[in-house]
């Protein structure tokens, strides 16, 4: 399942949450400032109908090393100076692979995803690999694609230069244009 950033569904309620939080002035999105905290929060998140997590201590250490290498990244939602939600994934060239997300506040992880979508739109990343086929991801615009189509895309984009991972408020402008 992939999410084309141009197909992301920025629901009215999420748009309202974003507008409200930005107006309060106590909200920000950061990239890569607390990568290990994000992955650990993902590992500890309760997920209905799931027994435990695949994110073991060994996996955490492996992803932390990928982060040190500039390959794994986090998108973090901060409110009142506290990490409240986020996601992490792997970026190879112009390919983005979403791994996991967590939230402690309503819409927190969706805001992180919206920021990632804006980043992808701005940096010519055509698909975010979501890995899991879920109703939630489908409701946000993700869909299944043929395996060969995915493999062909990977071959084209993984060798390209990776974008610079810095949050820019222009990402909100990009994602706010989506319906």
C-alpha atoms as a PDB file:
ATOM      1  CA  UNK A   1       0.000   0.000   0.000  1.00  0.00           C
ATOM      2  CA  UNK A   2       1.371   3.411  -0.970  1.00  0.00           C
ATOM      3  CA  UNK A   3       0.242   6.938  -0.222  1.00  0.00           C
ATOM      4  CA  UNK A   4       0.806   9.318  -3.122  1.00  0.00           C
ATOM      5  CA  UNK A   5       1.311  12.659  -1.329  1.00  0.00           C
ATOM      6  CA  UNK A   6      -0.837  14.369  -3.970  1.00  0.00           C
ATOM      7  CA  UNK A   7      -3.744  12.084  -2.952  1.00  0.00           C
ATOM      8  CA  UNK A   8      -3.488  12.733   0.795  1.00  0.00           C
ATOM      9  CA  UNK A   9      -6.920  13.536   2.188  1.00  0.00           C
ATOM     10  CA  UNK A  10      -6.604  16.553   4.427  1.00  0.00           C
ATOM     11  CA  UNK A  11      -9.929  16.184   6.212  1.00  0.00           C
ATOM     12  CA  UNK A  12     -11.731  19.293   7.397  1.00  0.00           C
ATOM     13  CA  UNK A  13     -11.335  18.268  11.042  1.00  0.00           C
ATOM     14  CA  UNK A  14      -7.557  17.830  10.632  1.00  0.00           C
ATOM     15  CA  UNK A  15      -7.342  21.182   8.848  1.00  0.00           C
ATOM     16  CA  UNK A  16      -9.224  22.765  11.772  1.00  0.00           C
ATOM     17  CA  UNK A  17      -6.917  21.100  14.314  1.00  0.00           C
ATOM     18  CA  UNK A  18      -3.871  22.389  12.435  1.00  0.00           C
ATOM     19  CA  UNK A  19      -5.303  25.919  12.177  1.00  0.00           C
ATOM     20  CA  UNK A  20      -6.206  25.926  15.877  1.00  0.00           C
ATOM     21  CA  UNK A  21      -2.817  24.656  17.064  1.00  0.00           C
ATOM     22  CA  UNK A  22      -0.882  27.027  14.812  1.00  0.00           C
ATOM     23  CA  UNK A  23      -2.954  29.982  16.064  1.00  0.00           C
ATOM     24  CA  UNK A  24      -2.187  29.071  19.680  1.00  0.00           C
ATOM     25  CA  UNK A  25       1.519  29.391  19.020  1.00  0.00           C
ATOM     26  CA  UNK A  26       2.454  26.415  21.193  1.00  0.00           C
ATOM     27  CA  UNK A  27       2.627  23.883  18.347  1.00  0.00           C
ATOM     28  CA  UNK A  28       5.501  22.939  16.097  1.00  0.00           C
ATOM     29  CA  UNK A  29       6.678  20.135  13.899  1.00  0.00           C
ATOM     30  CA  UNK A  30      10.315  19.140  13.995  1.00  0.00           C
ATOM     31  CA  UNK A  31      12.345  16.680  11.980  1.00  0.00           C
ATOM     32  CA  UNK A  32      14.947  14.412  13.552  1.00  0.00           C
ATOM     33  CA  UNK A  33      15.330  16.120  16.939  1.00  0.00           C
ATOM     34  CA  UNK A  34      14.172  13.153  19.060  1.00  0.00           C
ATOM     35  CA  UNK A  35      14.417  10.154  16.746  1.00  0.00           C
ATOM     36  CA  UNK A  36      15.019   7.568  19.466  1.00  0.00           C
ATOM     37  CA  UNK A  37      12.180   8.955  21.613  1.00  0.00           C
ATOM     38  CA  UNK A  38       9.830   8.636  18.624  1.00  0.00           C
ATOM     39  CA  UNK A  39      10.722   5.022  17.867  1.00  0.00           C
ATOM     40  CA  UNK A  40      10.473   4.093  21.564  1.00  0.00           C
ATOM     41  CA  UNK A  41       7.053   5.747  21.799  1.00  0.00           C
ATOM     42  CA  UNK A  42       5.979   3.803  18.705  1.00  0.00           C
ATOM     43  CA  UNK A  43       7.167   0.582  20.358  1.00  0.00           C
ATOM     44  CA  UNK A  44       5.115   1.339  23.474  1.00  0.00           C
ATOM     45  CA  UNK A  45       1.909   2.394  21.701  1.00  0.00           C
ATOM     46  CA  UNK A  46      -1.104   0.202  22.329  1.00  0.00           C
ATOM     47  CA  UNK A  47      -2.606  -1.067  19.111  1.00  0.00           C
ATOM     48  CA  UNK A  48      -6.004  -2.750  19.199  1.00  0.00           C
ATOM     49  CA  UNK A  49      -6.057  -6.353  17.939  1.00  0.00           C
ATOM     50  CA  UNK A  50      -2.257  -6.626  18.176  1.00  0.00           C
ATOM     51  CA  UNK A  51      -0.199  -8.613  20.644  1.00  0.00           C
ATOM     52  CA  UNK A  52       2.864  -6.559  21.473  1.00  0.00           C
ATOM     53  CA  UNK A  53       5.092  -4.908  18.912  1.00  0.00           C
ATOM     54  CA  UNK A  54       7.595  -5.866  16.248  1.00  0.00           C
ATOM     55  CA  UNK A  55       9.786  -2.970  17.414  1.00  0.00           C
ATOM     56  CA  UNK A  56      12.216  -4.841  19.663  1.00  0.00           C
ATOM     57  CA  UNK A  57      15.287  -3.367  21.358  1.00  0.00           C
ATOM     58  CA  UNK A  58      17.459  -4.786  18.567  1.00  0.00           C
ATOM     59  CA  UNK A  59      15.261  -3.089  15.956  1.00  0.00           C
ATOM     60  CA  UNK A  60      15.418   0.183  17.873  1.00  0.00           C
ATOM     61  CA  UNK A  61      19.201   0.081  17.918  1.00  0.00           C
ATOM     62  CA  UNK A  62      19.330  -0.774  14.201  1.00  0.00           C
ATOM     63  CA  UNK A  63      17.052   2.146  13.298  1.00  0.00           C
ATOM     64  CA  UNK A  64      18.983   4.508  15.585  1.00  0.00           C
ATOM     65  CA  UNK A  65      22.109   3.536  13.644  1.00  0.00           C
ATOM     66  CA  UNK A  66      20.268   4.171  10.345  1.00  0.00           C
ATOM     67  CA  UNK A  67      19.299   7.556  11.760  1.00  0.00           C
ATOM     68  CA  UNK A  68      22.943   8.333  12.577  1.00  0.00           C
ATOM     69  CA  UNK A  69      23.759   7.437   8.965  1.00  0.00           C
ATOM     70  CA  UNK A  70      21.126   9.897   7.699  1.00  0.00           C
ATOM     71  CA  UNK A  71      18.817   7.195   6.332  1.00  0.00           C
ATOM     72  CA  UNK A  72      16.088   6.952   9.001  1.00  0.00           C
ATOM     73  CA  UNK A  73      14.153  10.070   9.995  1.00  0.00           C
ATOM     74  CA  UNK A  74      11.488  11.206  12.415  1.00  0.00           C
ATOM     75  CA  UNK A  75       8.680  13.717  12.022  1.00  0.00           C
ATOM     76  CA  UNK A  76       7.682  15.017  15.435  1.00  0.00           C
ATOM     77  CA  UNK A  77       4.591  16.857  16.695  1.00  0.00           C
ATOM     78  CA  UNK A  78       5.381  19.114  19.672  1.00  0.00           C
ATOM     79  CA  UNK A  79       2.846  20.956  21.850  1.00  0.00           C
ATOM     80  CA  UNK A  80       3.891  23.158  24.765  1.00  0.00           C
ATOM     81  CA  UNK A  81       7.478  21.991  24.307  1.00  0.00           C
ATOM     82  CA  UNK A  82       6.527  18.327  24.743  1.00  0.00           C
ATOM     83  CA  UNK A  83       6.793  15.541  22.163  1.00  0.00           C
ATOM     84  CA  UNK A  84       3.163  14.492  21.688  1.00  0.00           C
ATOM     85  CA  UNK A  85       3.164  12.481  18.474  1.00  0.00           C
ATOM     86  CA  UNK A  86       5.323  11.426  15.598  1.00  0.00           C
ATOM     87  CA  UNK A  87       6.358   8.925  13.013  1.00  0.00           C
ATOM     88  CA  UNK A  88       9.585   7.519  11.669  1.00  0.00           C
ATOM     89  CA  UNK A  89      10.655   5.995   8.421  1.00  0.00           C
ATOM     90  CA  UNK A  90      13.468   5.325   6.008  1.00  0.00           C
ATOM     91  CA  UNK A  91      14.398   7.596   3.114  1.00  0.00           C
ATOM     92  CA  UNK A  92      16.423   6.209   0.195  1.00  0.00           C
ATOM     93  CA  UNK A  93      16.874   8.689  -2.629  1.00  0.00           C
ATOM     94  CA  UNK A  94      13.368   9.873  -3.494  1.00  0.00           C
ATOM     95  CA  UNK A  95      11.670   6.891  -1.835  1.00  0.00           C
ATOM     96  CA  UNK A  96      10.055   7.132   1.602  1.00  0.00           C
ATOM     97  CA  UNK A  97       9.149   4.086   3.655  1.00  0.00           C
ATOM     98  CA  UNK A  98       6.885   4.800   6.609  1.00  0.00           C
ATOM     99  CA  UNK A  99       7.570   2.478   9.531  1.00  0.00           C
ATOM    100  CA  UNK A 100       5.412   3.386  12.516  1.00  0.00           C
ATOM    101  CA  UNK A 101       3.651   6.261  14.263  1.00  0.00           C
ATOM    102  CA  UNK A 102       2.332   7.151  17.702  1.00  0.00           C
ATOM    103  CA  UNK A 103       0.205   9.840  19.292  1.00  0.00           C
ATOM    104  CA  UNK A 104      -0.678  11.074  22.747  1.00  0.00           C
ATOM    105  CA  UNK A 105      -3.096  13.757  21.507  1.00  0.00           C
ATOM    106  CA  UNK A 106      -6.009  13.730  19.056  1.00  0.00           C
ATOM    107  CA  UNK A 107      -4.794  14.030  15.448  1.00  0.00           C
ATOM    108  CA  UNK A 108      -1.145  14.231  16.552  1.00  0.00           C
ATOM    109  CA  UNK A 109       0.185  11.483  14.294  1.00  0.00           C
ATOM    110  CA  UNK A 110      -1.995  12.717  11.410  1.00  0.00           C
ATOM    111  CA  UNK A 111      -0.362  16.135  11.781  1.00  0.00           C
ATOM    112  CA  UNK A 112       3.053  14.471  11.588  1.00  0.00           C
ATOM    113  CA  UNK A 113       1.908  12.580   8.494  1.00  0.00           C
ATOM    114  CA  UNK A 114       0.536  15.799   6.949  1.00  0.00           C
ATOM    115  CA  UNK A 115       3.941  17.439   7.525  1.00  0.00           C
ATOM    116  CA  UNK A 116       5.626  14.448   5.881  1.00  0.00           C
ATOM    117  CA  UNK A 117       3.218  14.720   2.946  1.00  0.00           C
ATOM    118  CA  UNK A 118       4.088  18.415   2.546  1.00  0.00           C
ATOM    119  CA  UNK A 119       7.789  17.531   2.682  1.00  0.00           C
ATOM    120  CA  UNK A 120       7.286  14.846   0.012  1.00  0.00           C
ATOM    121  CA  UNK A 121       5.316  17.219  -2.220  1.00  0.00           C
ATOM    122  CA  UNK A 122       8.039  19.847  -1.943  1.00  0.00           C
ATOM    123  CA  UNK A 123      10.829  17.303  -2.593  1.00  0.00           C
ATOM    124  CA  UNK A 124       9.339  15.299  -5.475  1.00  0.00           C
ATOM    125  CA  UNK A 125       8.722  12.089  -3.518  1.00  0.00           C
ATOM    126  CA  UNK A 126       5.827  10.485  -5.387  1.00  0.00           C
ATOM    127  CA  UNK A 127       4.873   7.708  -2.967  1.00  0.00           C
ATOM    128  CA  UNK A 128       5.147   6.944   0.713  1.00  0.00           C
ATOM    129  CA  UNK A 129       5.332   3.180   1.184  1.00  0.00           C
ATOM    130  CA  UNK A 130       2.858   2.475   3.999  1.00  0.00           C
ATOM    131  CA  UNK A 131       3.598  -1.270   4.131  1.00  0.00           C
ATOM    132  CA  UNK A 132       0.317  -2.126   5.885  1.00  0.00           C
ATOM    133  CA  UNK A 133      -3.049  -2.273   4.155  1.00  0.00           C
ATOM    134  CA  UNK A 134      -5.372  -0.643   6.677  1.00  0.00           C
ATOM    135  CA  UNK A 135      -8.730   1.124   6.438  1.00  0.00           C
ATOM    136  CA  UNK A 136      -7.188   4.077   8.258  1.00  0.00           C
ATOM    137  CA  UNK A 137      -4.438   4.521   5.641  1.00  0.00           C
ATOM    138  CA  UNK A 138      -6.952   4.028   2.835  1.00  0.00           C
ATOM    139  CA  UNK A 139      -9.122   6.777   4.363  1.00  0.00           C
ATOM    140  CA  UNK A 140      -6.117   9.103   4.097  1.00  0.00           C
ATOM    141  CA  UNK A 141      -5.572   8.339   0.393  1.00  0.00           C
ATOM    142  CA  UNK A 142      -3.340   5.250   0.361  1.00  0.00           C
ATOM    143  CA  UNK A 143      -4.024   2.404  -2.056  1.00  0.00           C
ATOM    144  CA  UNK A 144      -2.582  -0.864  -3.324  1.00  0.00           C
ATOM    145  CA  UNK A 145      -0.363  -0.967  -6.404  1.00  0.00           C
ATOM    146  CA  UNK A 146       1.040  -3.808  -8.460  1.00  0.00           C
ATOM    147  CA  UNK A 147       4.260  -5.337  -7.146  1.00  0.00           C
ATOM    148  CA  UNK A 148       6.096  -4.792 -10.453  1.00  0.00           C
ATOM    149  CA  UNK A 149       5.003  -1.146 -10.577  1.00  0.00           C
ATOM    150  CA  UNK A 150       6.434  -0.700  -7.079  1.00  0.00           C
ATOM    151  CA  UNK A 151       9.692  -2.471  -7.994  1.00  0.00           C
ATOM    152  CA  UNK A 152      10.076  -0.357 -11.145  1.00  0.00           C
ATOM    153  CA  UNK A 153       9.508   2.828  -9.121  1.00  0.00           C
ATOM    154  CA  UNK A 154      12.104   1.792  -6.536  1.00  0.00           C
ATOM    155  CA  UNK A 155      14.665   1.145  -9.249  1.00  0.00           C
ATOM    156  CA  UNK A 156      14.139   4.656 -10.629  1.00  0.00           C
ATOM    157  CA  UNK A 157      14.139   6.676  -7.400  1.00  0.00           C
ATOM    158  CA  UNK A 158      16.408   5.033  -4.832  1.00  0.00           C
ATOM    159  CA  UNK A 159      19.567   6.107  -6.654  1.00  0.00           C
ATOM    160  CA  UNK A 160      18.552   9.769  -6.755  1.00  0.00           C
ATOM    161  CA  UNK A 161      19.880  12.278  -4.232  1.00  0.00           C
ATOM    162  CA  UNK A 162      17.977  12.281  -0.945  1.00  0.00           C
ATOM    163  CA  UNK A 163      16.399  15.586   0.115  1.00  0.00           C
ATOM    164  CA  UNK A 164      17.609  17.631   3.067  1.00  0.00           C
ATOM    165  CA  UNK A 165      15.559  16.806   6.163  1.00  0.00           C
ATOM    166  CA  UNK A 166      14.632  20.182   7.597  1.00  0.00           C
ATOM    167  CA  UNK A 167      11.106  21.263   8.444  1.00  0.00           C
ATOM    168  CA  UNK A 168       9.862  24.304   6.569  1.00  0.00           C
ATOM    169  CA  UNK A 169       6.484  25.996   7.085  1.00  0.00           C
ATOM    170  CA  UNK A 170       5.992  25.947   3.301  1.00  0.00           C
ATOM    171  CA  UNK A 171       5.059  22.271   3.779  1.00  0.00           C
ATOM    172  CA  UNK A 172       1.817  23.417   5.439  1.00  0.00           C
ATOM    173  CA  UNK A 173       1.076  25.555   2.380  1.00  0.00           C
ATOM    174  CA  UNK A 174       1.633  22.560   0.099  1.00  0.00           C
ATOM    175  CA  UNK A 175      -0.546  20.185   2.101  1.00  0.00           C
ATOM    176  CA  UNK A 176      -3.286  22.768   2.762  1.00  0.00           C
ATOM    177  CA  UNK A 177      -4.001  22.895  -0.987  1.00  0.00           C
ATOM    178  CA  UNK A 178      -5.032  19.229  -0.943  1.00  0.00           C
ATOM    179  CA  UNK A 179      -8.659  18.260  -0.548  1.00  0.00           C
END
